[in-house]
C-alpha cells in the first residue's frame, strides 16, 4: 500500500500554536502569545494558504459583517489573488474555502462561521469543498479543516 503524504504538514511550523481538534484533519491554529513572534507566524499562515491553493486552486471566501462593510457575501478569488484584498480580514469573521480546479463558486449562504471542528467539517460537506480556513474573532485563531477524499 503506498504511503500518502499529508496535505498539510503542520508539524514543521514553529511560530503558530497548533492544536488538534479531535477530528481527523482539523486543527485550531493560533497566533503566538508573544507579539515579537507574530511576523514568523504570519509567514506560516501564508504558507498554509499557499499549500492549500497549490492543491485546490479554486477559492471562495465567505465574508461576514466583521470583514466587510457590506452584508455577508461570497467573493471568488483567483489562485494568485491575495486574500487580504477581499476585505478587512484582521478582525476575523471570514471563511476561505478551497475547491478543485474549475469548481463553481458557491451560492449557498452560510448560517454562520464554523466555531468548532464539527461545524467546519459540516460546512466542507455542504459546499463540496476540499479544505477551509475559518477566522475567528480578531483573527487570532483559525480553524483549519481538510476533507477526506
C-alpha atoms as a PDB file:
ATOM      1  CA  UNK A   1       0.000   0.000   0.000  1.00  0.00           C
ATOM      2  CA  UNK A   2       1.514   3.392  -0.967  1.00  0.00           C
ATOM      3  CA  UNK A   3       2.288   5.944   1.709  1.00  0.00           C
ATOM      4  CA  UNK A   4       0.166   9.052   1.238  1.00  0.00           C
ATOM      5  CA  UNK A   5       1.861  12.324   2.115  1.00  0.00           C
ATOM      6  CA  UNK A   6      -0.367  14.520   4.288  1.00  0.00           C
ATOM      7  CA  UNK A   7      -1.797  17.538   2.530  1.00  0.00           C
ATOM      8  CA  UNK A   8      -0.617  19.834   5.309  1.00  0.00           C
ATOM      9  CA  UNK A   9       2.459  19.222   7.421  1.00  0.00           C
ATOM     10  CA  UNK A  10       1.741  21.436  10.408  1.00  0.00           C
ATOM     11  CA  UNK A  11       4.474  19.808  12.479  1.00  0.00           C
ATOM     12  CA  UNK A  12       7.082  21.941  10.677  1.00  0.00           C
ATOM     13  CA  UNK A  13       5.512  25.187  11.901  1.00  0.00           C
ATOM     14  CA  UNK A  14       7.422  26.764  14.765  1.00  0.00           C
ATOM     15  CA  UNK A  15       5.664  30.091  15.410  1.00  0.00           C
ATOM     16  CA  UNK A  16       1.975  29.164  15.291  1.00  0.00           C
ATOM     17  CA  UNK A  17       0.259  27.299  18.118  1.00  0.00           C
ATOM     18  CA  UNK A  18      -1.325  24.145  16.650  1.00  0.00           C
ATOM     19  CA  UNK A  19      -3.986  22.150  18.492  1.00  0.00           C
ATOM     20  CA  UNK A  20      -5.645  19.019  17.120  1.00  0.00           C
ATOM     21  CA  UNK A  21      -9.411  19.411  17.469  1.00  0.00           C
ATOM     22  CA  UNK A  22     -10.215  15.730  17.947  1.00  0.00           C
ATOM     23  CA  UNK A  23     -11.495  15.242  14.411  1.00  0.00           C
ATOM     24  CA  UNK A  24      -9.133  13.920  11.772  1.00  0.00           C
ATOM     25  CA  UNK A  25      -7.688  16.737   9.644  1.00  0.00           C
ATOM     26  CA  UNK A  26      -8.999  19.621  11.787  1.00  0.00           C
ATOM     27  CA  UNK A  27      -6.821  21.968  13.805  1.00  0.00           C
ATOM     28  CA  UNK A  28      -7.020  25.162  15.785  1.00  0.00           C
ATOM     29  CA  UNK A  29      -4.172  27.365  14.563  1.00  0.00           C
ATOM     30  CA  UNK A  30      -3.413  30.270  16.868  1.00  0.00           C
ATOM     31  CA  UNK A  31      -1.084  33.213  16.785  1.00  0.00           C
ATOM     32  CA  UNK A  32       1.711  33.059  19.357  1.00  0.00           C
ATOM     33  CA  UNK A  33       1.201  34.752  22.702  1.00  0.00           C
ATOM     34  CA  UNK A  34       4.366  36.825  22.313  1.00  0.00           C
ATOM     35  CA  UNK A  35       3.933  39.679  19.836  1.00  0.00           C
ATOM     36  CA  UNK A  36       7.510  39.505  18.574  1.00  0.00           C
ATOM     37  CA  UNK A  37       6.726  36.060  17.091  1.00  0.00           C
ATOM     38  CA  UNK A  38       3.788  37.356  15.023  1.00  0.00           C
ATOM     39  CA  UNK A  39       5.920  38.104  11.942  1.00  0.00           C
ATOM     40  CA  UNK A  40       7.033  34.480  11.671  1.00  0.00           C
ATOM     41  CA  UNK A  41       3.510  33.275  12.423  1.00  0.00           C
ATOM     42  CA  UNK A  42       2.038  35.398   9.620  1.00  0.00           C
ATOM     43  CA  UNK A  43       4.550  33.853   7.193  1.00  0.00           C
ATOM     44  CA  UNK A  44       3.492  30.400   8.362  1.00  0.00           C
ATOM     45  CA  UNK A  45      -0.188  31.299   7.881  1.00  0.00           C
ATOM     46  CA  UNK A  46       0.614  32.407   4.341  1.00  0.00           C
ATOM     47  CA  UNK A  47       2.400  29.092   3.755  1.00  0.00           C
ATOM     48  CA  UNK A  48      -0.746  27.183   4.857  1.00  0.00           C
ATOM     49  CA  UNK A  49      -2.855  29.155   2.377  1.00  0.00           C
ATOM     50  CA  UNK A  50      -0.261  28.750  -0.389  1.00  0.00           C
ATOM     51  CA  UNK A  51      -0.008  24.980   0.138  1.00  0.00           C
ATOM     52  CA  UNK A  52      -3.774  24.522   0.019  1.00  0.00           C
ATOM     53  CA  UNK A  53      -4.023  26.788  -3.049  1.00  0.00           C
ATOM     54  CA  UNK A  54      -1.448  24.675  -4.934  1.00  0.00           C
ATOM     55  CA  UNK A  55      -3.615  21.593  -4.477  1.00  0.00           C
ATOM     56  CA  UNK A  56      -7.053  23.280  -4.689  1.00  0.00           C
ATOM     57  CA  UNK A  57      -6.679  26.423  -6.832  1.00  0.00           C
ATOM     58  CA  UNK A  58     -10.332  27.433  -6.898  1.00  0.00           C
ATOM     59  CA  UNK A  59     -11.040  29.530  -3.793  1.00  0.00           C
ATOM     60  CA  UNK A  60     -14.009  31.443  -2.474  1.00  0.00           C
ATOM     61  CA  UNK A  61     -14.190  33.467   0.702  1.00  0.00           C
ATOM     62  CA  UNK A  62     -17.323  33.995   2.806  1.00  0.00           C
ATOM     63  CA  UNK A  63     -17.193  37.463   4.332  1.00  0.00           C
ATOM     64  CA  UNK A  64     -19.357  38.423   7.297  1.00  0.00           C
ATOM     65  CA  UNK A  65     -20.086  41.935   8.523  1.00  0.00           C
ATOM     66  CA  UNK A  66     -16.897  41.801  10.635  1.00  0.00           C
ATOM     67  CA  UNK A  67     -14.767  41.578   7.479  1.00  0.00           C
ATOM     68  CA  UNK A  68     -16.643  43.917   5.140  1.00  0.00           C
ATOM     69  CA  UNK A  69     -18.823  46.998   5.176  1.00  0.00           C
ATOM     70  CA  UNK A  70     -21.380  45.124   3.081  1.00  0.00           C
ATOM     71  CA  UNK A  71     -23.677  42.344   4.186  1.00  0.00           C
ATOM     72  CA  UNK A  72     -22.374  38.789   4.333  1.00  0.00           C
ATOM     73  CA  UNK A  73     -21.453  37.527   0.876  1.00  0.00           C
ATOM     74  CA  UNK A  74     -19.185  35.310  -1.219  1.00  0.00           C
ATOM     75  CA  UNK A  75     -16.179  36.528  -3.155  1.00  0.00           C
ATOM     76  CA  UNK A  76     -14.313  34.297  -5.584  1.00  0.00           C
ATOM     77  CA  UNK A  77     -10.521  34.545  -5.517  1.00  0.00           C
ATOM     78  CA  UNK A  78      -8.175  33.612  -8.333  1.00  0.00           C
ATOM     79  CA  UNK A  79      -5.196  31.436  -7.304  1.00  0.00           C
ATOM     80  CA  UNK A  80      -2.854  34.446  -7.467  1.00  0.00           C
ATOM     81  CA  UNK A  81      -5.156  36.796  -5.507  1.00  0.00           C
ATOM     82  CA  UNK A  82      -4.001  37.821  -2.052  1.00  0.00           C
ATOM     83  CA  UNK A  83      -6.815  37.091   0.397  1.00  0.00           C
ATOM     84  CA  UNK A  84      -6.151  40.421   2.095  1.00  0.00           C
ATOM     85  CA  UNK A  85      -7.652  42.082  -0.977  1.00  0.00           C
ATOM     86  CA  UNK A  86     -11.035  40.588  -0.030  1.00  0.00           C
ATOM     87  CA  UNK A  87     -11.761  42.888   2.907  1.00  0.00           C
ATOM     88  CA  UNK A  88     -10.726  43.924   6.399  1.00  0.00           C
ATOM     89  CA  UNK A  89      -9.685  40.432   7.451  1.00  0.00           C
ATOM     90  CA  UNK A  90      -7.730  41.412  10.575  1.00  0.00           C
ATOM     91  CA  UNK A  91     -10.991  41.434  12.550  1.00  0.00           C
ATOM     92  CA  UNK A  92     -11.868  37.843  11.673  1.00  0.00           C
ATOM     93  CA  UNK A  93     -15.343  36.955  10.518  1.00  0.00           C
ATOM     94  CA  UNK A  94     -14.426  35.148   7.318  1.00  0.00           C
ATOM     95  CA  UNK A  95     -14.001  31.635   5.959  1.00  0.00           C
ATOM     96  CA  UNK A  96     -11.840  30.704   2.981  1.00  0.00           C
ATOM     97  CA  UNK A  97     -12.908  27.552   1.129  1.00  0.00           C
ATOM     98  CA  UNK A  98     -10.714  25.617  -1.290  1.00  0.00           C
ATOM     99  CA  UNK A  99     -12.116  23.622  -4.224  1.00  0.00           C
ATOM    100  CA  UNK A 100     -10.657  21.543  -7.043  1.00  0.00           C
ATOM    101  CA  UNK A 101      -9.822  23.457 -10.228  1.00  0.00           C
ATOM    102  CA  UNK A 102     -12.786  24.756 -12.238  1.00  0.00           C
ATOM    103  CA  UNK A 103     -15.288  24.310  -9.426  1.00  0.00           C
ATOM    104  CA  UNK A 104     -18.308  26.594  -9.367  1.00  0.00           C
ATOM    105  CA  UNK A 105     -18.402  29.482  -6.935  1.00  0.00           C
ATOM    106  CA  UNK A 106     -20.690  28.539  -4.019  1.00  0.00           C
ATOM    107  CA  UNK A 107     -24.053  30.237  -3.910  1.00  0.00           C
ATOM    108  CA  UNK A 108     -25.241  28.740  -0.638  1.00  0.00           C
ATOM    109  CA  UNK A 109     -25.384  31.289   2.173  1.00  0.00           C
ATOM    110  CA  UNK A 110     -23.772  30.127   5.375  1.00  0.00           C
ATOM    111  CA  UNK A 111     -25.753  30.202   8.627  1.00  0.00           C
ATOM    112  CA  UNK A 112     -22.638  31.391  10.388  1.00  0.00           C
ATOM    113  CA  UNK A 113     -18.984  30.644  10.654  1.00  0.00           C
ATOM    114  CA  UNK A 114     -17.695  27.336  11.927  1.00  0.00           C
ATOM    115  CA  UNK A 115     -16.796  27.688  15.595  1.00  0.00           C
ATOM    116  CA  UNK A 116     -15.562  24.130  16.093  1.00  0.00           C
ATOM    117  CA  UNK A 117     -14.242  21.150  14.140  1.00  0.00           C
ATOM    118  CA  UNK A 118     -17.652  19.507  13.727  1.00  0.00           C
ATOM    119  CA  UNK A 119     -19.246  22.598  12.161  1.00  0.00           C
ATOM    120  CA  UNK A 120     -16.166  23.094   9.947  1.00  0.00           C
ATOM    121  CA  UNK A 121     -16.478  19.506   8.676  1.00  0.00           C
ATOM    122  CA  UNK A 122     -20.203  20.029   8.062  1.00  0.00           C
ATOM    123  CA  UNK A 123     -19.551  23.193   6.019  1.00  0.00           C
ATOM    124  CA  UNK A 124     -16.931  21.356   3.956  1.00  0.00           C
ATOM    125  CA  UNK A 125     -19.501  18.692   3.165  1.00  0.00           C
ATOM    126  CA  UNK A 126     -22.339  21.154   2.436  1.00  0.00           C
ATOM    127  CA  UNK A 127     -20.200  23.134  -0.008  1.00  0.00           C
ATOM    128  CA  UNK A 128     -18.312  20.154  -1.501  1.00  0.00           C
ATOM    129  CA  UNK A 129     -15.127  21.963  -0.526  1.00  0.00           C
ATOM    130  CA  UNK A 130     -11.817  20.180  -0.042  1.00  0.00           C
ATOM    131  CA  UNK A 131     -10.430  22.462   2.674  1.00  0.00           C
ATOM    132  CA  UNK A 132     -11.407  25.514   4.709  1.00  0.00           C
ATOM    133  CA  UNK A 133      -9.846  28.120   6.932  1.00  0.00           C
ATOM    134  CA  UNK A 134     -12.234  29.917   9.268  1.00  0.00           C
ATOM    135  CA  UNK A 135     -11.002  33.044  11.015  1.00  0.00           C
ATOM    136  CA  UNK A 136     -12.456  33.558  14.444  1.00  0.00           C
ATOM    137  CA  UNK A 137     -12.958  36.921  16.151  1.00  0.00           C
ATOM    138  CA  UNK A 138      -9.922  39.238  15.960  1.00  0.00           C
ATOM    139  CA  UNK A 139      -8.201  36.790  13.550  1.00  0.00           C
ATOM    140  CA  UNK A 140      -6.137  35.395  16.457  1.00  0.00           C
ATOM    141  CA  UNK A 141      -7.232  31.825  15.766  1.00  0.00           C
ATOM    142  CA  UNK A 142      -8.104  29.865  12.666  1.00  0.00           C
ATOM    143  CA  UNK A 143      -9.913  26.591  12.327  1.00  0.00           C
ATOM    144  CA  UNK A 144      -8.236  24.688   9.513  1.00  0.00           C
ATOM    145  CA  UNK A 145     -10.090  21.652   8.169  1.00  0.00           C
ATOM    146  CA  UNK A 146      -9.304  19.362   5.263  1.00  0.00           C
ATOM    147  CA  UNK A 147     -11.876  16.956   3.824  1.00  0.00           C
ATOM    148  CA  UNK A 148     -11.110  13.279   3.396  1.00  0.00           C
ATOM    149  CA  UNK A 149     -11.234  12.349  -0.252  1.00  0.00           C
END
